[in-house]
Amino acid sequence: MLVCLASFIGILFVRFSYVGAYSSRSFIFIITVVYLVAFHLFFVMFVWSYWMTVFTSPAIPSKEFYLSNSDKERYEKEFSHERQQQILRRAARDLPIYTTSASRTIRYCEKCQLIKPDRAHHCSACDKCILKMDHHCPWVNNCVGFSNYKFFMLFLLYSLIYCLYVAISVLEYFIKFWTNELTDTRAKFHVLFLFFVSAMFFISVLSLFSYHCWLVGKNRTTIESFRTPTFSYGVDAHGFSLGYSKNWRQVFGDEKKYWLLPIFTSLGDGCSFPTRLVGMDPEQAATGQSEHSRSIGSNQPFPIRPLSESKNRLLDNESQWLENGAEEGVLILIENKF
């Protein structure tokens, strides 16, 4: 529906705004060509990013997060919640899981029968768990998450540019419509339609795009903005934040030349994410034995690797690493172990 509307706007835009209105002798031909080329460039980028958002399958947890048949059988036979949690804790011992439910229990999906990775949630519309789920978007009829969040952001960006470009381009003729300077009665409706629709969508998308830019800068999802993640040390809205620049690079990648192209460049695997240490006293920081660095599953200190062994470029040149621990203020890497 959205693409059909955009295509209809494009037809009206080209036919009445450029071919019709700009075909007069007083208008320079080269300017018409420039307008048309720019319009089609924005339109192609809009459709491309929309296509990628719609048809990119949401990423799901890897097989390591599913319970084994024996664990699943024991879990289903247990009626005690505490014993069920013991089974889940044993199964999660070797998994990079650092968040819990609000009640401090292992996040387990009864429908998918898997231990949820950090930031993953079950989508009732898709009927499966989605990695780093942001929301289920009816406009794209797809879940927006780790695999297509960059595409969704670019879709919003090019929607903004597309609508703004159309609105500004027909503004002159919109003014002429109200001052009765537009003599072509057929074009009157189309100019009015183009301006109001493009302006309306621009205002609507601008608020949504601004909100998601704020989320990216804070390294949060829409779900996390309403339901703050719970770590072993408590609730922390900034638990995944690495700083504004690194938060953006986690979504758009390290190569700036690819930022505006709807191709996948996000960092990580979607199952584990860098987090930060907060509230550590100097003694804990020196030994690296803070409660914050303990895995939920095993309750054992998470091994802090030297920077040279780290595969995550978000942490490069950012902190000094020790063999057995980290200095105060260090960022800890939650790395997939599979």
Protein backbone atom coordinates (compact mmCIF):
# COMPACT_ATOMS: atom_id res chain seq x y z
CA MET A 1 0.00 0.00 0.00
CA LEU A 2 2.75 2.41 0.98
CA VAL A 3 4.78 1.72 -2.17
CA CYS A 4 1.64 2.05 -4.32
CA LEU A 5 0.93 5.44 -2.75
CA ALA A 6 4.53 6.52 -3.28
CA SER A 7 4.38 5.35 -6.89
CA PHE A 8 1.13 7.25 -7.44
CA ILE A 9 2.73 10.36 -5.99
CA GLY A 10 5.66 9.81 -8.32
CA ILE A 11 3.41 9.64 -11.38
CA LEU A 12 1.60 12.82 -10.40
CA PHE A 13 4.85 14.49 -9.49
CA VAL A 14 6.52 13.77 -12.83
CA ARG A 15 3.44 14.39 -14.96
CA PHE A 16 2.04 17.56 -13.47
CA SER A 17 4.89 19.09 -11.51
CA TYR A 18 7.68 18.69 -14.03
CA VAL A 19 6.41 17.65 -17.44
CA GLY A 20 3.36 19.85 -17.15
CA ALA A 21 4.31 22.81 -15.02
CA TYR A 22 7.97 23.00 -16.02
CA SER A 23 7.49 22.51 -19.75
CA SER A 24 6.85 26.19 -20.34
CA ARG A 25 9.31 28.13 -22.46
CA SER A 26 10.32 30.26 -19.50
CA PHE A 27 11.68 27.25 -17.61
CA ILE A 28 15.20 26.05 -18.35
CA PHE A 29 15.28 22.48 -19.68
CA ILE A 30 18.41 21.50 -17.75
CA ILE A 31 16.73 22.40 -14.46
CA THR A 32 13.85 20.08 -15.32
CA VAL A 33 16.33 17.27 -15.93
CA VAL A 34 18.10 17.93 -12.61
CA TYR A 35 14.79 17.88 -10.75
CA LEU A 36 13.75 14.62 -12.39
CA VAL A 37 17.09 12.90 -11.76
CA ALA A 38 17.07 13.94 -8.10
CA PHE A 39 13.48 12.81 -7.69
CA HIS A 40 14.13 9.36 -9.14
CA LEU A 41 17.29 8.96 -7.07
CA PHE A 42 15.36 9.58 -3.85
CA PHE A 43 12.53 7.36 -5.05
CA VAL A 44 14.87 4.44 -5.85
CA MET A 45 16.59 4.69 -2.46
CA PHE A 46 13.20 4.85 -0.75
CA VAL A 47 11.92 1.73 -2.53
CA TRP A 48 15.22 -0.14 -2.06
CA SER A 49 15.34 0.45 1.70
CA TYR A 50 11.64 -0.36 2.02
CA TRP A 51 12.13 -3.60 0.08
CA MET A 52 15.03 -4.65 2.31
CA THR A 53 13.02 -3.87 5.45
CA VAL A 54 10.07 -5.93 4.25
CA PHE A 55 11.84 -8.94 2.77
CA THR A 56 14.76 -9.39 5.17
CA SER A 57 13.84 -12.28 7.43
CA PRO A 58 14.08 -11.46 11.14
CA ALA A 59 17.08 -13.12 12.79
CA ILE A 60 16.22 -15.87 15.27
CA PRO A 61 18.32 -17.39 18.09
CA SER A 62 20.90 -20.01 17.15
CA LYS A 63 20.41 -23.65 18.09
CA GLU A 64 22.59 -23.35 21.21
CA PHE A 65 19.80 -21.41 22.94
CA TYR A 66 17.26 -24.21 22.48
CA LEU A 67 16.86 -26.74 25.27
CA SER A 68 18.09 -30.23 24.57
CA ASN A 69 15.47 -32.95 24.39
CA SER A 70 16.45 -34.26 27.82
CA ASP A 71 16.33 -30.80 29.44
CA LYS A 72 13.05 -30.08 27.71
CA GLU A 73 11.55 -33.31 29.02
CA ARG A 74 12.73 -32.64 32.58
CA TYR A 75 11.48 -29.06 32.42
CA GLU A 76 8.00 -30.08 31.29
CA LYS A 77 7.72 -32.73 34.00
CA GLU A 78 8.63 -30.33 36.81
CA PHE A 79 5.82 -28.47 38.53
CA SER A 80 8.08 -26.53 40.86
CA HIS A 81 9.07 -23.15 39.47
CA GLU A 82 12.34 -23.20 41.41
CA ARG A 83 13.34 -26.58 39.97
CA GLN A 84 12.45 -25.41 36.49
CA GLN A 85 14.75 -22.44 37.04
CA GLN A 86 17.53 -24.78 38.15
CA ILE A 87 17.20 -26.69 34.88
CA LEU A 88 17.32 -23.43 32.93
CA ARG A 89 20.33 -22.17 34.88
CA ARG A 90 22.25 -25.35 34.11
CA ALA A 91 21.32 -25.10 30.43
CA ALA A 92 22.35 -21.43 30.35
CA ARG A 93 25.67 -22.01 32.09
CA ASP A 94 27.71 -21.66 28.90
CA LEU A 95 25.51 -19.07 27.21
CA PRO A 96 26.38 -15.34 27.08
CA ILE A 97 23.25 -14.26 28.94
CA TYR A 98 23.46 -11.24 31.22
CA THR A 99 19.88 -10.03 31.55
CA THR A 100 17.01 -11.59 33.44
CA SER A 101 13.29 -11.09 33.69
CA ALA A 102 11.94 -8.44 36.04
CA SER A 103 11.54 -11.18 38.67
CA ARG A 104 15.26 -12.09 38.32
CA THR A 105 14.62 -15.42 36.58
CA ILE A 106 16.04 -16.87 33.36
CA ARG A 107 14.20 -15.46 30.35
CA TYR A 108 12.62 -18.57 28.82
CA CYS A 109 10.16 -18.70 25.93
CA GLU A 110 7.53 -21.36 26.52
CA LYS A 111 6.35 -21.27 22.90
CA CYS A 112 9.73 -21.52 21.20
CA GLN A 113 11.16 -23.60 24.07
CA LEU A 114 14.43 -21.71 24.16
CA ILE A 115 16.40 -19.53 26.52
CA LYS A 116 16.09 -16.01 25.19
CA PRO A 117 19.35 -14.27 24.27
CA ASP A 118 19.82 -10.78 25.65
CA ARG A 119 17.51 -8.27 23.94
CA ALA A 120 15.54 -11.03 22.17
CA HIS A 121 11.75 -11.18 22.54
CA HIS A 122 8.91 -13.33 21.28
CA CYS A 123 6.75 -11.73 18.59
CA SER A 124 3.15 -12.85 18.76
CA ALA A 125 2.54 -11.78 15.15
CA CYS A 126 5.51 -13.72 13.74
CA ASP A 127 5.13 -16.47 16.39
CA LYS A 128 8.88 -16.73 17.01
CA CYS A 129 11.63 -15.13 19.05
CA ILE A 130 13.41 -12.27 17.29
CA LEU A 131 16.99 -11.19 18.00
CA LYS A 132 17.24 -7.63 19.32
CA MET A 133 13.56 -7.13 18.61
CA ASP A 134 12.50 -3.50 18.33
CA HIS A 135 8.86 -3.82 17.32
CA HIS A 136 6.54 -5.47 14.82
CA CYS A 137 5.79 -2.88 12.16
CA PRO A 138 2.43 -3.12 10.34
CA TRP A 139 3.68 -0.74 7.62
CA VAL A 140 6.26 -3.28 6.50
CA ASN A 141 4.38 -6.37 7.75
CA ASN A 142 7.58 -7.59 9.36
CA CYS A 143 9.44 -7.62 12.64
CA VAL A 144 12.07 -4.92 12.97
CA GLY A 145 15.09 -6.31 14.77
CA PHE A 146 18.79 -7.03 14.52
CA SER A 147 18.78 -8.18 10.89
CA ASN A 148 16.83 -5.26 9.39
CA TYR A 149 16.96 -2.37 11.87
CA LYS A 150 19.46 -0.46 9.71
CA PHE A 151 17.17 -0.92 6.71
CA PHE A 152 14.23 0.38 8.74
CA MET A 153 16.18 3.49 9.75
CA LEU A 154 17.17 4.16 6.14
CA PHE A 155 13.57 3.60 5.06
CA LEU A 156 12.48 6.34 7.45
CA LEU A 157 15.31 8.62 6.32
CA TYR A 158 14.57 8.28 2.62
CA SER A 159 10.85 8.62 3.28
CA LEU A 160 11.61 11.96 4.93
CA ILE A 161 13.82 13.13 2.07
CA TYR A 162 11.33 11.92 -0.53
CA CYS A 163 8.35 13.68 1.06
CA LEU A 164 10.30 16.87 1.78
CA TYR A 165 11.59 17.03 -1.78
CA VAL A 166 8.11 16.64 -3.24
CA ALA A 167 6.60 19.22 -0.87
CA ILE A 168 9.27 21.84 -1.57
CA SER A 169 9.15 21.24 -5.32
CA VAL A 170 5.40 21.80 -5.62
CA LEU A 171 5.23 24.58 -3.02
CA GLU A 172 5.49 27.29 -5.68
CA TYR A 173 2.52 25.88 -7.56
CA PHE A 174 0.61 25.30 -4.34
CA ILE A 175 0.90 29.03 -3.64
CA LYS A 176 -0.20 29.82 -7.19
CA PHE A 177 -3.24 27.61 -6.64
CA TRP A 178 -4.43 29.79 -3.75
CA THR A 179 -3.67 33.04 -5.61
CA ASN A 180 -5.55 31.85 -8.71
CA GLU A 181 -2.40 32.04 -10.82
CA LEU A 182 -2.65 28.37 -11.76
CA THR A 183 -4.86 28.29 -14.84
CA ASP A 184 -4.71 24.55 -15.54
CA THR A 185 -7.77 23.24 -13.70
CA ARG A 186 -6.63 19.62 -14.09
CA ALA A 187 -3.38 20.33 -12.27
CA LYS A 188 -5.04 22.11 -9.36
CA PHE A 189 -6.23 18.96 -7.61
CA HIS A 190 -2.98 17.13 -8.19
CA VAL A 191 -0.83 19.95 -6.86
CA LEU A 192 -3.07 20.19 -3.82
CA PHE A 193 -2.93 16.43 -3.31
CA LEU A 194 0.85 16.25 -3.73
CA PHE A 195 1.57 19.01 -1.25
CA PHE A 196 -0.78 17.92 1.52
CA VAL A 197 0.06 14.21 1.32
CA SER A 198 3.83 14.77 1.21
CA ALA A 199 3.69 17.35 4.01
CA MET A 200 1.49 15.11 6.16
CA PHE A 201 3.76 12.10 5.74
CA PHE A 202 6.85 14.22 6.34
CA ILE A 203 5.55 15.43 9.71
CA SER A 204 4.46 11.93 10.73
CA VAL A 205 7.68 10.21 9.72
CA LEU A 206 9.83 12.99 11.19
CA SER A 207 8.57 12.28 14.70
CA LEU A 208 9.14 8.53 14.29
CA PHE A 209 12.60 8.98 12.75
CA SER A 210 13.64 11.42 15.50
CA TYR A 211 12.53 8.96 18.16
CA HIS A 212 14.51 6.10 16.62
CA CYS A 213 17.59 8.32 16.22
CA TRP A 214 17.35 8.94 19.96
CA LEU A 215 17.04 5.19 20.57
CA VAL A 216 20.10 4.43 18.42
CA GLY A 217 22.11 7.09 20.25
CA LYS A 218 21.18 5.49 23.57
CA ASN A 219 21.58 1.92 22.23
CA ARG A 220 18.03 0.94 23.17
CA THR A 221 15.18 -0.73 21.39
CA THR A 222 11.57 0.40 21.51
CA ILE A 223 10.81 -2.48 23.86
CA GLU A 224 13.72 -1.54 26.15
CA SER A 225 12.56 2.07 26.28
CA PHE A 226 9.32 0.89 27.89
CA ARG A 227 10.69 -2.18 29.70
CA THR A 228 14.12 -1.45 31.16
CA PRO A 229 16.54 -4.42 30.99
CA THR A 230 17.37 -6.15 34.26
CA PHE A 231 20.96 -7.26 34.85
CA SER A 232 22.41 -9.26 37.73
CA TYR A 233 23.15 -5.99 39.54
CA GLY A 234 19.71 -4.51 38.95
CA VAL A 235 17.73 -2.51 36.42
CA ASP A 236 19.90 -0.43 34.08
CA ALA A 237 18.49 1.61 31.20
CA HIS A 238 22.03 2.38 30.00
CA GLY A 239 23.39 -1.14 30.32
CA PHE A 240 24.09 -1.58 26.59
CA SER A 241 25.21 1.97 25.90
CA LEU A 242 28.83 2.33 24.77
CA GLY A 243 28.75 6.03 23.97
CA TYR A 244 26.99 7.90 21.19
CA SER A 245 29.49 7.14 18.41
CA LYS A 246 29.85 3.44 19.19
CA ASN A 247 26.09 3.04 19.57
CA TRP A 248 25.57 4.35 16.05
CA ARG A 249 28.33 2.16 14.66
CA GLN A 250 26.75 -0.89 16.26
CA VAL A 251 23.75 -0.37 13.97
CA PHE A 252 25.36 1.13 10.86
CA GLY A 253 28.82 -0.46 10.98
CA ASP A 254 32.37 0.87 10.89
CA GLU A 255 32.48 1.73 7.17
CA LYS A 256 30.87 5.15 6.76
CA LYS A 257 30.68 4.74 3.00
CA TYR A 258 27.99 2.07 3.52
CA TRP A 259 25.91 3.94 6.08
CA LEU A 260 23.42 5.34 3.55
CA LEU A 261 23.12 2.12 1.56
CA PRO A 262 20.53 -0.54 2.53
CA ILE A 263 23.08 -3.33 2.84
CA PHE A 264 23.75 -5.17 6.10
CA THR A 265 26.73 -3.72 7.96
CA SER A 266 25.60 -3.92 11.60
CA LEU A 267 28.19 -5.19 14.09
CA GLY A 268 27.81 -8.38 16.11
CA ASP A 269 25.80 -11.56 15.76
CA GLY A 270 22.56 -10.50 17.43
CA CYS A 271 22.91 -13.08 20.21
CA SER A 272 25.37 -11.18 22.41
CA PHE A 273 26.15 -7.52 22.86
CA PRO A 274 28.83 -5.37 24.46
CA THR A 275 27.74 -3.89 27.76
CA ARG A 276 29.34 -1.67 30.36
CA LEU A 277 30.39 -1.93 34.00
CA VAL A 278 28.77 0.58 36.32
CA GLY A 279 29.13 1.26 40.00
CA MET A 280 32.36 -0.70 40.44
CA ASP A 281 34.58 0.23 43.35
CA PRO A 282 38.36 0.38 42.66
CA GLU A 283 39.05 -2.93 44.43
CA GLN A 284 36.49 -4.77 42.33
CA ALA A 285 37.73 -3.13 39.15
CA ALA A 286 41.31 -4.20 39.83
CA THR A 287 40.34 -7.82 40.23
CA GLY A 288 37.61 -7.87 37.61
CA GLN A 289 35.35 -9.76 40.03
CA SER A 290 32.44 -7.35 39.98
CA GLU A 291 29.00 -8.87 40.24
CA HIS A 292 28.26 -7.06 36.98
CA SER A 293 30.57 -9.35 35.04
CA ARG A 294 28.95 -12.56 36.17
CA SER A 295 26.99 -14.68 33.76
CA ILE A 296 23.39 -15.21 34.81
CA GLY A 297 23.50 -18.88 33.91
CA SER A 298 26.61 -19.99 35.76
CA ASN A 299 27.00 -17.14 38.26
CA GLN A 300 30.74 -17.33 37.52
CA PRO A 301 32.97 -14.34 36.71
CA PHE A 302 32.94 -13.66 33.01
CA PRO A 303 36.49 -14.00 31.61
CA ILE A 304 37.75 -10.61 30.47
CA ARG A 305 39.95 -11.05 27.39
CA PRO A 306 42.82 -8.82 26.33
CA LEU A 307 41.89 -6.34 23.64
CA SER A 308 44.01 -8.16 21.06
CA GLU A 309 41.76 -11.21 21.40
CA SER A 310 38.56 -9.25 21.14
CA LYS A 311 36.65 -9.60 17.89
CA ASN A 312 34.44 -6.59 18.56
CA ARG A 313 35.79 -3.41 17.02
CA LEU A 314 33.49 -1.24 19.12
CA LEU A 315 35.98 -1.45 21.97
CA ASP A 316 39.14 -0.66 20.01
CA ASN A 317 41.47 1.92 21.57
CA GLU A 318 38.97 2.61 24.29
CA SER A 319 40.35 1.03 27.46
CA GLN A 320 43.40 -0.63 28.96
CA TRP A 321 43.04 -4.36 29.51
CA LEU A 322 44.76 -6.54 32.06
CA GLU A 323 45.35 -10.25 31.94
CA ASN A 324 43.13 -11.00 34.93
CA GLY A 325 40.85 -8.02 35.01
CA ALA A 326 40.15 -4.51 33.84
CA GLU A 327 40.70 -0.98 35.04
CA GLU A 328 37.87 1.13 36.36
CA GLY A 329 35.40 2.24 33.72
CA VAL A 330 36.24 -0.56 31.31
CA LEU A 331 33.67 -1.78 28.82
CA ILE A 332 33.11 -5.52 29.04
CA LEU A 333 32.54 -7.55 25.93
CA ILE A 334 29.77 -10.12 26.00
CA GLU A 335 30.98 -12.36 23.25
CA ASN A 336 29.25 -15.27 21.60
CA LYS A 337 31.10 -18.42 22.62
CA PHE A 338 29.92 -20.72 19.87
